[in-house]
Each structure stands twice: as C-alpha cells, then as structure tokens.
N, C-alpha and C. Protein backbone atom coordinates (compact mmCIF):
# COMPACT_ATOMS: atom_id res chain seq x y z
N MET A 1 -31.47 3.99 9.23
CA MET A 1 -31.13 2.88 8.36
C MET A 1 -31.06 1.59 9.15
N ASN A 2 -31.56 0.47 8.59
CA ASN A 2 -31.49 -0.81 9.25
C ASN A 2 -30.04 -1.24 9.42
N LYS A 3 -29.81 -2.01 10.49
CA LYS A 3 -28.47 -2.50 10.75
C LYS A 3 -28.01 -3.40 9.61
N GLN A 4 -26.79 -3.16 9.13
CA GLN A 4 -26.27 -3.93 8.01
C GLN A 4 -25.72 -5.27 8.48
N THR A 5 -25.75 -6.27 7.58
CA THR A 5 -25.14 -7.56 7.87
C THR A 5 -23.62 -7.38 7.95
N PRO A 6 -22.90 -8.31 8.62
CA PRO A 6 -21.44 -8.16 8.76
C PRO A 6 -20.70 -7.92 7.44
N PRO A 7 -20.99 -8.66 6.34
CA PRO A 7 -20.27 -8.37 5.10
C PRO A 7 -20.53 -6.95 4.58
N LYS A 8 -21.76 -6.49 4.68
CA LYS A 8 -22.07 -5.14 4.20
C LYS A 8 -21.40 -4.09 5.08
N ARG A 9 -21.42 -4.31 6.40
CA ARG A 9 -20.75 -3.37 7.30
C ARG A 9 -19.26 -3.33 7.01
N LYS A 10 -18.69 -4.50 6.72
CA LYS A 10 -17.26 -4.56 6.39
C LYS A 10 -16.99 -3.80 5.11
N LEU A 11 -17.86 -3.93 4.11
CA LEU A 11 -17.68 -3.19 2.87
C LEU A 11 -17.71 -1.69 3.12
N LEU A 12 -18.67 -1.24 3.91
CA LEU A 12 -18.75 0.19 4.23
C LEU A 12 -17.48 0.65 4.94
N ASN A 13 -16.98 -0.16 5.86
CA ASN A 13 -15.78 0.21 6.61
C ASN A 13 -14.55 0.33 5.71
N ILE A 14 -14.35 -0.66 4.83
CA ILE A 14 -13.14 -0.61 4.00
C ILE A 14 -13.23 0.50 2.95
N LEU A 15 -14.44 0.81 2.48
CA LEU A 15 -14.59 1.93 1.55
C LEU A 15 -14.39 3.25 2.27
N LYS A 16 -14.78 3.32 3.52
CA LYS A 16 -14.55 4.53 4.31
C LYS A 16 -13.06 4.78 4.46
N LYS A 17 -12.30 3.71 4.68
CA LYS A 17 -10.87 3.84 4.90
C LYS A 17 -10.09 4.07 3.61
N ASN A 18 -10.55 3.47 2.52
CA ASN A 18 -9.75 3.47 1.29
C ASN A 18 -10.30 4.36 0.19
N HIS A 19 -11.43 5.00 0.44
CA HIS A 19 -12.02 5.98 -0.45
C HIS A 19 -12.62 5.35 -1.71
N ALA A 20 -11.80 4.98 -2.68
CA ALA A 20 -12.30 4.38 -3.92
C ALA A 20 -11.53 3.09 -4.19
N MET A 21 -12.27 2.02 -4.51
CA MET A 21 -11.62 0.72 -4.67
C MET A 21 -12.21 -0.04 -5.85
N THR A 22 -11.35 -0.79 -6.54
CA THR A 22 -11.82 -1.71 -7.57
C THR A 22 -12.30 -2.99 -6.89
N ILE A 23 -12.99 -3.83 -7.65
CA ILE A 23 -13.45 -5.10 -7.08
C ILE A 23 -12.25 -5.96 -6.67
N GLY A 24 -11.15 -5.84 -7.42
CA GLY A 24 -9.94 -6.58 -7.06
C GLY A 24 -9.39 -6.14 -5.71
N ASN A 25 -9.35 -4.82 -5.49
CA ASN A 25 -8.90 -4.30 -4.20
C ASN A 25 -9.80 -4.78 -3.07
N ILE A 26 -11.10 -4.74 -3.33
CA ILE A 26 -12.08 -5.13 -2.31
C ILE A 26 -11.92 -6.60 -1.94
N MET A 27 -11.70 -7.45 -2.94
CA MET A 27 -11.61 -8.90 -2.70
C MET A 27 -10.41 -9.27 -1.83
N GLU A 28 -9.41 -8.39 -1.75
CA GLU A 28 -8.26 -8.67 -0.88
C GLU A 28 -8.66 -8.72 0.59
N HIS A 29 -9.84 -8.18 0.90
CA HIS A 29 -10.31 -8.12 2.29
C HIS A 29 -11.34 -9.20 2.61
N PHE A 30 -11.66 -10.05 1.63
CA PHE A 30 -12.72 -11.05 1.83
C PHE A 30 -12.24 -12.45 1.49
N THR A 31 -12.83 -13.43 2.16
CA THR A 31 -12.59 -14.84 1.82
C THR A 31 -13.81 -15.45 1.15
N ILE A 32 -14.95 -14.75 1.16
CA ILE A 32 -16.14 -15.25 0.46
C ILE A 32 -15.97 -15.01 -1.03
N SER A 33 -16.85 -15.58 -1.84
CA SER A 33 -16.70 -15.51 -3.29
C SER A 33 -16.93 -14.10 -3.82
N GLU A 34 -16.36 -13.84 -5.00
CA GLU A 34 -16.56 -12.54 -5.64
C GLU A 34 -18.02 -12.33 -5.98
N VAL A 35 -18.71 -13.41 -6.36
CA VAL A 35 -20.15 -13.30 -6.67
C VAL A 35 -20.91 -12.79 -5.45
N ALA A 36 -20.58 -13.33 -4.27
CA ALA A 36 -21.26 -12.90 -3.04
C ALA A 36 -20.95 -11.45 -2.72
N VAL A 37 -19.69 -11.06 -2.89
CA VAL A 37 -19.30 -9.67 -2.61
C VAL A 37 -20.01 -8.71 -3.56
N ARG A 38 -20.06 -9.08 -4.85
CA ARG A 38 -20.75 -8.23 -5.82
C ARG A 38 -22.24 -8.08 -5.47
N LYS A 39 -22.83 -9.14 -4.95
CA LYS A 39 -24.23 -9.06 -4.54
C LYS A 39 -24.41 -8.05 -3.41
N HIS A 40 -23.51 -8.09 -2.44
CA HIS A 40 -23.57 -7.13 -1.33
C HIS A 40 -23.35 -5.70 -1.84
N LEU A 41 -22.42 -5.53 -2.76
CA LEU A 41 -22.17 -4.21 -3.34
C LEU A 41 -23.41 -3.69 -4.05
N HIS A 42 -24.05 -4.57 -4.81
CA HIS A 42 -25.25 -4.19 -5.54
C HIS A 42 -26.36 -3.75 -4.58
N GLU A 43 -26.52 -4.48 -3.48
CA GLU A 43 -27.56 -4.14 -2.52
C GLU A 43 -27.27 -2.81 -1.83
N LEU A 44 -26.00 -2.56 -1.52
CA LEU A 44 -25.63 -1.28 -0.91
C LEU A 44 -25.83 -0.13 -1.89
N GLU A 45 -25.56 -0.41 -3.17
CA GLU A 45 -25.79 0.62 -4.20
C GLU A 45 -27.28 0.93 -4.31
N LYS A 46 -28.13 -0.10 -4.25
CA LYS A 46 -29.58 0.10 -4.31
C LYS A 46 -30.07 0.93 -3.12
N GLN A 47 -29.40 0.78 -1.98
CA GLN A 47 -29.76 1.56 -0.79
C GLN A 47 -29.23 2.99 -0.85
N GLY A 48 -28.45 3.29 -1.88
CA GLY A 48 -27.90 4.63 -2.03
C GLY A 48 -26.68 4.90 -1.17
N LEU A 49 -26.04 3.83 -0.67
CA LEU A 49 -24.91 3.99 0.24
C LEU A 49 -23.56 4.02 -0.46
N LEU A 50 -23.51 3.50 -1.67
CA LEU A 50 -22.27 3.58 -2.44
C LEU A 50 -22.61 3.79 -3.91
N LYS A 51 -21.59 4.15 -4.67
CA LYS A 51 -21.79 4.38 -6.11
C LYS A 51 -20.62 3.79 -6.87
N LYS A 52 -20.88 3.48 -8.14
CA LYS A 52 -19.85 2.99 -9.05
C LYS A 52 -19.41 4.13 -9.95
N ILE A 53 -18.12 4.21 -10.19
CA ILE A 53 -17.57 5.23 -11.09
C ILE A 53 -16.75 4.53 -12.16
N SER A 54 -17.03 4.86 -13.41
CA SER A 54 -16.32 4.25 -14.54
C SER A 54 -15.11 5.11 -14.90
N HIS A 55 -13.96 4.47 -15.11
CA HIS A 55 -12.72 5.16 -15.45
C HIS A 55 -12.24 4.67 -16.81
N LYS A 56 -12.03 5.60 -17.73
CA LYS A 56 -11.52 5.24 -19.05
C LYS A 56 -10.02 5.00 -19.00
N GLN A 57 -9.56 4.12 -19.88
CA GLN A 57 -8.14 3.85 -20.02
C GLN A 57 -7.73 4.08 -21.47
N ASN A 58 -6.45 4.39 -21.68
CA ASN A 58 -5.97 4.57 -23.05
C ASN A 58 -6.08 3.27 -23.84
N ILE A 59 -5.83 2.17 -23.15
CA ILE A 59 -5.91 0.86 -23.78
C ILE A 59 -6.81 -0.03 -22.93
N GLY A 60 -7.69 -0.75 -23.59
CA GLY A 60 -8.55 -1.68 -22.85
C GLY A 60 -9.87 -1.06 -22.43
N ARG A 61 -10.66 -1.88 -21.80
CA ARG A 61 -11.99 -1.46 -21.38
C ARG A 61 -11.91 -0.56 -20.15
N PRO A 62 -12.93 0.28 -19.96
CA PRO A 62 -12.98 1.07 -18.72
C PRO A 62 -13.06 0.15 -17.50
N TYR A 63 -12.62 0.66 -16.37
CA TYR A 63 -12.73 -0.12 -15.13
C TYR A 63 -13.57 0.65 -14.12
N LEU A 64 -14.13 -0.08 -13.18
CA LEU A 64 -15.03 0.52 -12.19
C LEU A 64 -14.37 0.60 -10.82
N THR A 65 -14.67 1.68 -10.11
CA THR A 65 -14.33 1.75 -8.69
C THR A 65 -15.60 2.02 -7.91
N TYR A 66 -15.56 1.62 -6.65
CA TYR A 66 -16.69 1.83 -5.75
C TYR A 66 -16.28 2.83 -4.67
N GLU A 67 -17.19 3.73 -4.32
CA GLU A 67 -16.94 4.63 -3.21
C GLU A 67 -18.24 5.00 -2.51
N LEU A 68 -18.13 5.46 -1.28
CA LEU A 68 -19.32 5.80 -0.51
C LEU A 68 -19.98 7.07 -1.04
N THR A 69 -21.30 7.10 -0.95
CA THR A 69 -22.04 8.33 -1.21
C THR A 69 -22.11 9.13 0.09
N GLU A 70 -22.68 10.32 0.01
CA GLU A 70 -22.87 11.11 1.23
C GLU A 70 -23.74 10.35 2.23
N LYS A 71 -24.74 9.65 1.71
CA LYS A 71 -25.60 8.84 2.57
C LYS A 71 -24.80 7.71 3.22
N GLY A 72 -23.87 7.14 2.46
CA GLY A 72 -23.02 6.09 3.01
C GLY A 72 -22.14 6.61 4.13
N HIS A 73 -21.56 7.81 3.94
CA HIS A 73 -20.74 8.41 4.99
C HIS A 73 -21.57 8.68 6.24
N SER A 74 -22.84 9.00 6.04
CA SER A 74 -23.69 9.36 7.18
C SER A 74 -24.04 8.16 8.06
N THR A 75 -23.72 6.93 7.59
CA THR A 75 -23.98 5.75 8.43
C THR A 75 -22.96 5.61 9.55
N PHE A 76 -21.88 6.40 9.49
CA PHE A 76 -20.86 6.33 10.52
C PHE A 76 -21.19 7.30 11.65
N PRO A 77 -20.71 7.02 12.86
CA PRO A 77 -21.08 7.84 14.02
C PRO A 77 -20.74 9.31 13.83
N ASN A 78 -21.60 10.17 14.32
CA ASN A 78 -21.33 11.60 14.32
C ASN A 78 -21.90 12.21 15.58
N GLN A 79 -21.47 13.42 15.86
CA GLN A 79 -21.91 14.13 17.05
C GLN A 79 -22.65 15.41 16.66
N TYR A 80 -23.33 15.35 15.51
CA TYR A 80 -24.02 16.53 15.01
C TYR A 80 -25.02 17.08 16.03
N GLN A 81 -25.70 16.19 16.75
CA GLN A 81 -26.74 16.64 17.66
C GLN A 81 -26.17 17.24 18.94
N SER A 82 -24.96 16.84 19.33
CA SER A 82 -24.41 17.32 20.59
C SER A 82 -23.81 18.72 20.47
N LEU A 83 -23.41 19.11 19.28
CA LEU A 83 -22.82 20.43 19.11
C LEU A 83 -23.14 20.94 17.71
N PRO A 84 -24.40 21.23 17.42
CA PRO A 84 -24.79 21.60 16.06
C PRO A 84 -24.24 22.94 15.63
N VAL A 85 -23.93 23.02 14.36
CA VAL A 85 -23.39 24.25 13.80
C VAL A 85 -24.35 25.42 13.98
N GLU A 86 -25.65 25.12 13.90
CA GLU A 86 -26.64 26.20 14.00
C GLU A 86 -26.51 26.96 15.31
N LEU A 87 -26.30 26.24 16.41
CA LEU A 87 -26.15 26.90 17.70
C LEU A 87 -24.88 27.73 17.77
N LEU A 88 -23.81 27.22 17.18
CA LEU A 88 -22.57 27.98 17.16
C LEU A 88 -22.73 29.25 16.33
N LYS A 89 -23.46 29.14 15.23
CA LYS A 89 -23.73 30.31 14.40
C LYS A 89 -24.55 31.34 15.18
N ASP A 90 -25.53 30.84 15.94
CA ASP A 90 -26.34 31.75 16.76
C ASP A 90 -25.48 32.44 17.81
N LEU A 91 -24.59 31.68 18.44
CA LEU A 91 -23.70 32.26 19.44
C LEU A 91 -22.80 33.31 18.82
N GLU A 92 -22.29 33.02 17.61
CA GLU A 92 -21.43 33.98 16.92
C GLU A 92 -22.18 35.27 16.62
N GLU A 93 -23.43 35.13 16.19
CA GLU A 93 -24.24 36.30 15.86
C GLU A 93 -24.53 37.15 17.10
N LEU A 94 -24.75 36.47 18.23
CA LEU A 94 -25.12 37.19 19.46
C LEU A 94 -23.91 37.78 20.18
N GLN A 95 -22.80 37.02 20.21
CA GLN A 95 -21.69 37.43 21.05
C GLN A 95 -20.35 37.55 20.32
N GLY A 96 -20.34 37.27 19.03
CA GLY A 96 -19.13 37.42 18.27
C GLY A 96 -18.35 36.12 18.10
N GLU A 97 -17.43 36.15 17.14
CA GLU A 97 -16.66 34.95 16.80
C GLU A 97 -15.82 34.44 17.96
N GLN A 98 -15.28 35.37 18.77
CA GLN A 98 -14.42 34.96 19.87
C GLN A 98 -15.17 34.08 20.87
N ALA A 99 -16.46 34.33 21.03
CA ALA A 99 -17.26 33.51 21.95
C ALA A 99 -17.31 32.06 21.48
N VAL A 100 -17.38 31.87 20.16
CA VAL A 100 -17.36 30.51 19.60
C VAL A 100 -16.00 29.86 19.86
N TYR A 101 -14.93 30.62 19.62
CA TYR A 101 -13.59 30.08 19.86
C TYR A 101 -13.41 29.71 21.33
N ASP A 102 -13.94 30.54 22.23
CA ASP A 102 -13.83 30.25 23.66
C ASP A 102 -14.58 28.96 24.01
N LEU A 103 -15.74 28.77 23.40
CA LEU A 103 -16.52 27.56 23.65
C LEU A 103 -15.78 26.32 23.13
N LEU A 104 -15.22 26.43 21.93
CA LEU A 104 -14.47 25.31 21.36
C LEU A 104 -13.22 25.01 22.18
N GLU A 105 -12.59 26.07 22.70
CA GLU A 105 -11.42 25.89 23.57
C GLU A 105 -11.81 25.15 24.85
N LYS A 106 -12.95 25.51 25.41
CA LYS A 106 -13.42 24.85 26.63
C LYS A 106 -13.69 23.37 26.36
N ARG A 107 -14.27 23.08 25.20
CA ARG A 107 -14.52 21.69 24.82
C ARG A 107 -13.22 20.92 24.71
N MET A 108 -12.21 21.55 24.09
CA MET A 108 -10.91 20.90 23.93
C MET A 108 -10.26 20.64 25.29
N GLN A 109 -10.36 21.60 26.21
CA GLN A 109 -9.77 21.42 27.53
C GLN A 109 -10.44 20.26 28.28
N ARG A 110 -11.75 20.16 28.13
CA ARG A 110 -12.47 19.06 28.77
C ARG A 110 -12.05 17.71 28.18
N GLU A 111 -11.90 17.69 26.85
CA GLU A 111 -11.47 16.46 26.17
C GLU A 111 -10.06 16.07 26.58
N LYS A 112 -9.19 17.07 26.66
CA LYS A 112 -7.79 16.83 27.06
C LYS A 112 -7.73 16.25 28.47
N ALA A 113 -8.52 16.82 29.38
CA ALA A 113 -8.53 16.33 30.76
C ALA A 113 -9.03 14.88 30.82
N TYR A 114 -9.99 14.56 29.97
CA TYR A 114 -10.51 13.20 29.94
C TYR A 114 -9.44 12.21 29.47
N PHE A 115 -8.71 12.59 28.42
CA PHE A 115 -7.63 11.72 27.95
C PHE A 115 -6.61 11.50 29.06
N GLU A 116 -6.20 12.60 29.70
CA GLU A 116 -5.16 12.50 30.73
C GLU A 116 -5.60 11.63 31.90
N SER A 117 -6.87 11.70 32.24
CA SER A 117 -7.38 10.90 33.36
C SER A 117 -7.41 9.41 33.03
N ASN A 118 -7.34 9.09 31.74
CA ASN A 118 -7.39 7.69 31.32
C ASN A 118 -6.02 7.13 30.94
N PHE A 119 -4.98 7.97 30.96
CA PHE A 119 -3.65 7.48 30.64
C PHE A 119 -3.18 6.51 31.72
N GLU A 120 -2.65 5.39 31.28
CA GLU A 120 -2.15 4.38 32.20
C GLU A 120 -0.63 4.30 32.18
N SER A 121 0.00 5.09 31.29
CA SER A 121 1.45 5.06 31.15
C SER A 121 1.92 6.43 30.70
N SER A 122 3.18 6.74 30.99
CA SER A 122 3.76 8.01 30.56
C SER A 122 4.51 7.87 29.24
N GLY A 123 4.61 6.64 28.72
CA GLY A 123 5.32 6.42 27.46
C GLY A 123 4.56 6.97 26.27
N LEU A 124 5.30 7.50 25.29
CA LEU A 124 4.67 8.14 24.13
C LEU A 124 3.80 7.16 23.36
N GLU A 125 4.33 6.00 23.03
CA GLU A 125 3.56 5.03 22.23
C GLU A 125 2.30 4.59 22.96
N GLU A 126 2.42 4.37 24.25
CA GLU A 126 1.25 3.96 25.04
C GLU A 126 0.19 5.06 25.04
N LYS A 127 0.63 6.30 25.18
CA LYS A 127 -0.32 7.42 25.17
C LYS A 127 -1.04 7.51 23.83
N ILE A 128 -0.29 7.39 22.75
CA ILE A 128 -0.88 7.47 21.41
C ILE A 128 -1.92 6.37 21.23
N ASN A 129 -1.58 5.16 21.64
CA ASN A 129 -2.53 4.05 21.51
C ASN A 129 -3.77 4.24 22.37
N GLN A 130 -3.60 4.83 23.55
CA GLN A 130 -4.75 5.07 24.42
C GLN A 130 -5.66 6.15 23.85
N VAL A 131 -5.06 7.19 23.26
CA VAL A 131 -5.85 8.23 22.59
C VAL A 131 -6.65 7.61 21.45
N ALA A 132 -6.00 6.76 20.66
CA ALA A 132 -6.68 6.11 19.53
C ALA A 132 -7.84 5.25 20.02
N GLN A 133 -7.62 4.51 21.09
CA GLN A 133 -8.67 3.65 21.62
C GLN A 133 -9.88 4.46 22.07
N ILE A 134 -9.63 5.55 22.79
CA ILE A 134 -10.73 6.39 23.28
C ILE A 134 -11.46 7.04 22.11
N GLN A 135 -10.71 7.53 21.12
CA GLN A 135 -11.36 8.15 19.96
C GLN A 135 -12.21 7.14 19.21
N ASN A 136 -11.72 5.92 19.06
CA ASN A 136 -12.51 4.89 18.37
C ASN A 136 -13.80 4.57 19.13
N GLU A 137 -13.74 4.64 20.44
CA GLU A 137 -14.94 4.41 21.25
C GLU A 137 -15.96 5.53 21.08
N ASN A 138 -15.50 6.67 20.56
CA ASN A 138 -16.37 7.83 20.40
C ASN A 138 -16.69 8.15 18.94
N GLY A 139 -16.60 7.13 18.09
CA GLY A 139 -17.06 7.29 16.73
C GLY A 139 -16.02 7.60 15.69
N TYR A 140 -14.77 7.79 16.11
CA TYR A 140 -13.70 7.98 15.14
C TYR A 140 -13.30 6.62 14.56
N MET A 141 -12.48 6.64 13.54
CA MET A 141 -11.97 5.39 12.95
C MET A 141 -10.46 5.56 12.79
N VAL A 142 -9.75 5.32 13.89
CA VAL A 142 -8.34 5.67 13.99
C VAL A 142 -7.45 4.44 13.89
N GLU A 143 -6.37 4.60 13.14
CA GLU A 143 -5.31 3.59 13.08
C GLU A 143 -3.98 4.28 13.37
N ILE A 144 -3.06 3.54 13.97
CA ILE A 144 -1.74 4.07 14.31
C ILE A 144 -0.67 3.29 13.54
N GLU A 145 0.31 4.02 13.03
CA GLU A 145 1.44 3.34 12.37
C GLU A 145 2.73 4.06 12.76
N LYS A 146 3.76 3.28 13.03
CA LYS A 146 5.08 3.83 13.31
C LYS A 146 5.93 3.72 12.06
N THR A 147 6.53 4.83 11.63
CA THR A 147 7.32 4.85 10.41
C THR A 147 8.73 4.34 10.66
N GLU A 148 9.46 4.13 9.57
CA GLU A 148 10.85 3.66 9.68
C GLU A 148 11.72 4.68 10.40
N GLN A 149 11.33 5.96 10.33
CA GLN A 149 12.09 7.02 10.99
C GLN A 149 11.77 7.11 12.49
N GLY A 150 10.78 6.33 12.92
CA GLY A 150 10.40 6.37 14.33
C GLY A 150 9.29 7.35 14.64
N ASP A 151 8.77 8.04 13.60
CA ASP A 151 7.63 8.93 13.81
C ASP A 151 6.36 8.08 13.95
N TYR A 152 5.32 8.70 14.49
CA TYR A 152 4.03 8.02 14.60
C TYR A 152 3.01 8.73 13.72
N GLU A 153 2.21 7.96 13.01
CA GLU A 153 1.13 8.52 12.21
C GLU A 153 -0.21 8.11 12.82
N ILE A 154 -1.05 9.11 13.07
CA ILE A 154 -2.43 8.86 13.49
C ILE A 154 -3.30 9.07 12.27
N ARG A 155 -3.96 8.03 11.81
CA ARG A 155 -4.83 8.12 10.63
C ARG A 155 -6.27 7.96 11.07
N ASN A 156 -7.07 8.98 10.80
CA ASN A 156 -8.48 8.97 11.19
C ASN A 156 -9.34 9.03 9.93
N TYR A 157 -10.17 8.00 9.74
CA TYR A 157 -10.99 7.90 8.54
C TYR A 157 -12.42 8.39 8.74
N ASN A 158 -12.77 8.76 9.96
CA ASN A 158 -14.12 9.27 10.21
C ASN A 158 -14.06 10.35 11.28
N CYS A 159 -14.53 11.55 10.93
CA CYS A 159 -14.55 12.66 11.88
C CYS A 159 -16.00 12.91 12.30
N PRO A 160 -16.36 12.60 13.53
CA PRO A 160 -17.75 12.76 13.98
C PRO A 160 -18.21 14.21 14.04
N ILE A 161 -17.27 15.15 14.02
CA ILE A 161 -17.67 16.57 14.07
C ILE A 161 -17.17 17.31 12.82
N SER A 162 -17.13 16.61 11.70
CA SER A 162 -16.59 17.22 10.48
C SER A 162 -17.40 18.41 10.02
N ASN A 163 -18.73 18.41 10.27
CA ASN A 163 -19.52 19.56 9.84
C ASN A 163 -19.14 20.80 10.63
N ILE A 164 -18.82 20.63 11.90
CA ILE A 164 -18.40 21.77 12.73
C ILE A 164 -17.00 22.22 12.31
N ALA A 165 -16.09 21.25 12.13
CA ALA A 165 -14.72 21.57 11.75
C ALA A 165 -14.65 22.22 10.38
N SER A 166 -15.60 21.87 9.49
CA SER A 166 -15.63 22.48 8.16
C SER A 166 -16.00 23.95 8.25
N THR A 167 -16.82 24.29 9.23
CA THR A 167 -17.25 25.67 9.40
C THR A 167 -16.28 26.46 10.27
N TYR A 168 -15.77 25.80 11.30
CA TYR A 168 -14.84 26.45 12.23
C TYR A 168 -13.54 25.65 12.29
N HIS A 169 -12.55 26.11 11.52
CA HIS A 169 -11.27 25.39 11.46
C HIS A 169 -10.55 25.40 12.80
N GLN A 170 -11.01 26.24 13.71
CA GLN A 170 -10.42 26.28 15.05
C GLN A 170 -10.47 24.91 15.72
N VAL A 171 -11.45 24.10 15.35
CA VAL A 171 -11.56 22.73 15.89
C VAL A 171 -10.28 21.95 15.59
N CYS A 172 -9.79 22.05 14.36
CA CYS A 172 -8.57 21.33 13.97
C CYS A 172 -7.34 21.92 14.65
N ILE A 173 -7.31 23.25 14.76
CA ILE A 173 -6.20 23.90 15.46
C ILE A 173 -6.14 23.45 16.91
N ASN A 174 -7.31 23.38 17.54
CA ASN A 174 -7.37 22.94 18.93
C ASN A 174 -6.92 21.49 19.09
N GLU A 175 -7.28 20.65 18.12
CA GLU A 175 -6.88 19.25 18.20
C GLU A 175 -5.36 19.12 18.13
N LYS A 176 -4.74 19.92 17.27
CA LYS A 176 -3.27 19.91 17.17
C LYS A 176 -2.65 20.33 18.51
N LYS A 177 -3.18 21.40 19.11
CA LYS A 177 -2.68 21.86 20.40
C LYS A 177 -2.85 20.78 21.47
N MET A 178 -3.99 20.10 21.43
CA MET A 178 -4.25 19.06 22.41
C MET A 178 -3.26 17.91 22.26
N PHE A 179 -3.02 17.48 21.02
CA PHE A 179 -2.07 16.40 20.79
C PHE A 179 -0.67 16.79 21.28
N GLU A 180 -0.26 18.02 20.98
CA GLU A 180 1.07 18.47 21.41
C GLU A 180 1.19 18.42 22.93
N HIS A 181 0.11 18.79 23.62
CA HIS A 181 0.13 18.74 25.08
C HIS A 181 0.14 17.30 25.58
N LEU A 182 -0.75 16.48 25.03
CA LEU A 182 -0.86 15.09 25.49
C LEU A 182 0.41 14.30 25.24
N PHE A 183 1.10 14.62 24.13
CA PHE A 183 2.29 13.87 23.75
C PHE A 183 3.57 14.60 24.15
N SER A 184 3.50 15.29 25.28
CA SER A 184 4.67 15.89 25.95
C SER A 184 5.44 16.86 25.08
N GLY A 185 4.73 17.68 24.33
CA GLY A 185 5.37 18.72 23.55
C GLY A 185 6.02 18.26 22.27
N LYS A 186 5.77 17.02 21.85
CA LYS A 186 6.33 16.54 20.58
C LYS A 186 5.75 17.35 19.42
N GLU A 187 6.54 17.50 18.36
CA GLU A 187 6.07 18.22 17.17
C GLU A 187 4.97 17.43 16.48
N VAL A 188 3.83 18.07 16.26
CA VAL A 188 2.68 17.43 15.62
C VAL A 188 2.34 18.21 14.36
N SER A 189 2.17 17.52 13.25
CA SER A 189 1.81 18.19 12.00
C SER A 189 0.67 17.44 11.31
N ALA A 190 -0.18 18.20 10.63
CA ALA A 190 -1.31 17.63 9.90
C ALA A 190 -0.90 17.41 8.46
N ARG A 191 -1.01 16.17 7.97
CA ARG A 191 -0.62 15.83 6.60
C ARG A 191 -1.81 15.85 5.65
N SER A 192 -2.99 15.58 6.16
CA SER A 192 -4.20 15.65 5.35
C SER A 192 -5.38 15.87 6.29
N CYS A 193 -6.50 16.32 5.71
CA CYS A 193 -7.64 16.71 6.55
C CYS A 193 -8.95 16.45 5.81
N ILE A 194 -9.88 15.78 6.48
CA ILE A 194 -11.18 15.48 5.88
C ILE A 194 -11.91 16.75 5.50
N THR A 195 -11.82 17.79 6.33
CA THR A 195 -12.55 19.03 6.05
C THR A 195 -12.01 19.78 4.84
N LYS A 196 -10.81 19.39 4.37
CA LYS A 196 -10.23 20.01 3.18
C LYS A 196 -10.42 19.14 1.94
N GLY A 197 -11.24 18.09 2.08
CA GLY A 197 -11.54 17.24 0.93
C GLY A 197 -10.77 15.95 0.87
N ASP A 198 -9.84 15.74 1.80
CA ASP A 198 -9.11 14.47 1.84
C ASP A 198 -10.01 13.39 2.43
N HIS A 199 -9.69 12.13 2.17
CA HIS A 199 -10.55 11.06 2.68
C HIS A 199 -10.17 10.62 4.08
N LEU A 200 -9.13 11.24 4.64
CA LEU A 200 -8.76 10.96 6.03
C LEU A 200 -8.03 12.15 6.61
N CYS A 201 -7.98 12.20 7.95
CA CYS A 201 -7.11 13.14 8.66
C CYS A 201 -5.87 12.36 9.08
N LYS A 202 -4.71 12.90 8.76
CA LYS A 202 -3.46 12.20 9.11
C LYS A 202 -2.56 13.15 9.88
N TRP A 203 -2.24 12.75 11.10
CA TRP A 203 -1.35 13.51 11.96
C TRP A 203 -0.03 12.76 12.10
N THR A 204 1.07 13.51 12.06
CA THR A 204 2.39 12.92 12.29
C THR A 204 2.96 13.47 13.58
N ILE A 205 3.34 12.57 14.49
CA ILE A 205 4.00 12.96 15.74
C ILE A 205 5.48 12.69 15.54
N LYS A 206 6.25 13.75 15.50
CA LYS A 206 7.65 13.66 15.14
C LYS A 206 8.49 13.04 16.25
N ASN A 207 9.33 12.10 15.87
CA ASN A 207 10.28 11.52 16.80
C ASN A 207 11.50 12.44 16.90
N PRO A 208 11.79 12.97 18.09
CA PRO A 208 12.95 13.88 18.21
C PRO A 208 14.28 13.16 18.05
N TYR A 209 14.26 11.82 18.07
CA TYR A 209 15.49 11.04 17.93
C TYR A 209 15.31 10.07 16.77
N PRO A 210 15.31 10.58 15.52
CA PRO A 210 15.02 9.74 14.36
C PRO A 210 16.03 8.61 14.20
N THR A 211 15.54 7.53 13.60
CA THR A 211 16.39 6.38 13.33
C THR A 211 17.37 6.72 12.22
N THR A 212 18.62 6.36 12.39
CA THR A 212 19.64 6.61 11.37
C THR A 212 20.23 5.29 10.91
N ASP A 213 20.72 5.29 9.66
CA ASP A 213 21.34 4.08 9.12
C ASP A 213 22.72 3.88 9.73
C-alpha cells in the first residue's frame, strides 16, 4: 500500500486505538475542518481500509461509526514473516507440541534479555516506560497509564504477532511471565486480549502498596 498522508495515517491510528468512532469522536482529534476529515475518511473507505456501520436508535435517525477493516489492520507493523504460523505447525507435526512451546520459550528468554540489557533504571515506572518504548519501536502501539490506586496499565493496540498468539496462546502466557520477571515479581494480570476479540491487550501491574484515602 502507498504511504498515507499524515491526516490519513492519523485517522488509521486513532481508529486502531479506539475501535469504532463517530465523526464527532474523530473530530476531537483534529483541528482541520470536518469536510476535510470526511474527505479523508471517504478516500480510506474507497481503499478498503475502513468501513462505515449504521446503528439504529429508538428515537431519531441512525448514526454512523467508522472502524478499520482487516485490510486496514494489516497496514500496521507485523512480524508474520519472521515467525510464520506455518513453520510452527510443521515443527509441531514433526516433533510435537512441546517443541513449539520450547521454541516460544526461547524467543521469550531472548526478548527478556534484550529488555534487561536496555534498562537504565531499577525503578518500576522507569522499567515499564522503557518496555513500552522498545515495544513501540518494534511495531506495537503501547500506552501507559497509572491508576488512582497506583497500579500501572499497559495498553497495546497493535500486536505484531497476533496470528501466532491466536494459534498458540502460550505466546500470551510467556509475555505475562516475562512482565512479572522484568517488573521484579509484581502481580501482572491480563484485562483484555486482541486474540480473544478485544480491540486491545491490557495488562495491569499491581501496586503492592495501593493508595488509600
């Protein structure tokens, strides 16, 4: 696909993060005119990158939301070629499922070592931010938020290996183990997952000393 103009790329990014949006929601992210934004939306729709969905209401006219198509999602970085499912399936057929798990474990250990070698601080927040930065450099779309309770949420809107994780859930299990190790044994829980149909993966890193009133 040809490189998109900045407004179109921005539209793709915000739809990736927010899943389905009305034109009103979309305009909150732009300073250009609604006419210009609608033109960009129309062009992206013609390219097959997004679609409009009509929603009926009990009162009033139906309203439209915009969301990415499968083709639109495919414009975001992925690592399909570096670790294709077909090869993992072949390995499973030849040597059994455990061989696949061992390979995925080895990949996780290599990734964990890379994160650790890039840590510049031992502080939890600094580590989380560094992990997010590295993941974003590798095709993820990660945001970090600290809750009122002092917990940290890692929100990832693009999984470059979602096709592998959809076939082998061990990928997600390994990621949880890796986070727990990187974040000094803090409790890590998955709140949502792209491979289960959610529009993002959300991890919560529990603060062992929650804020109290």
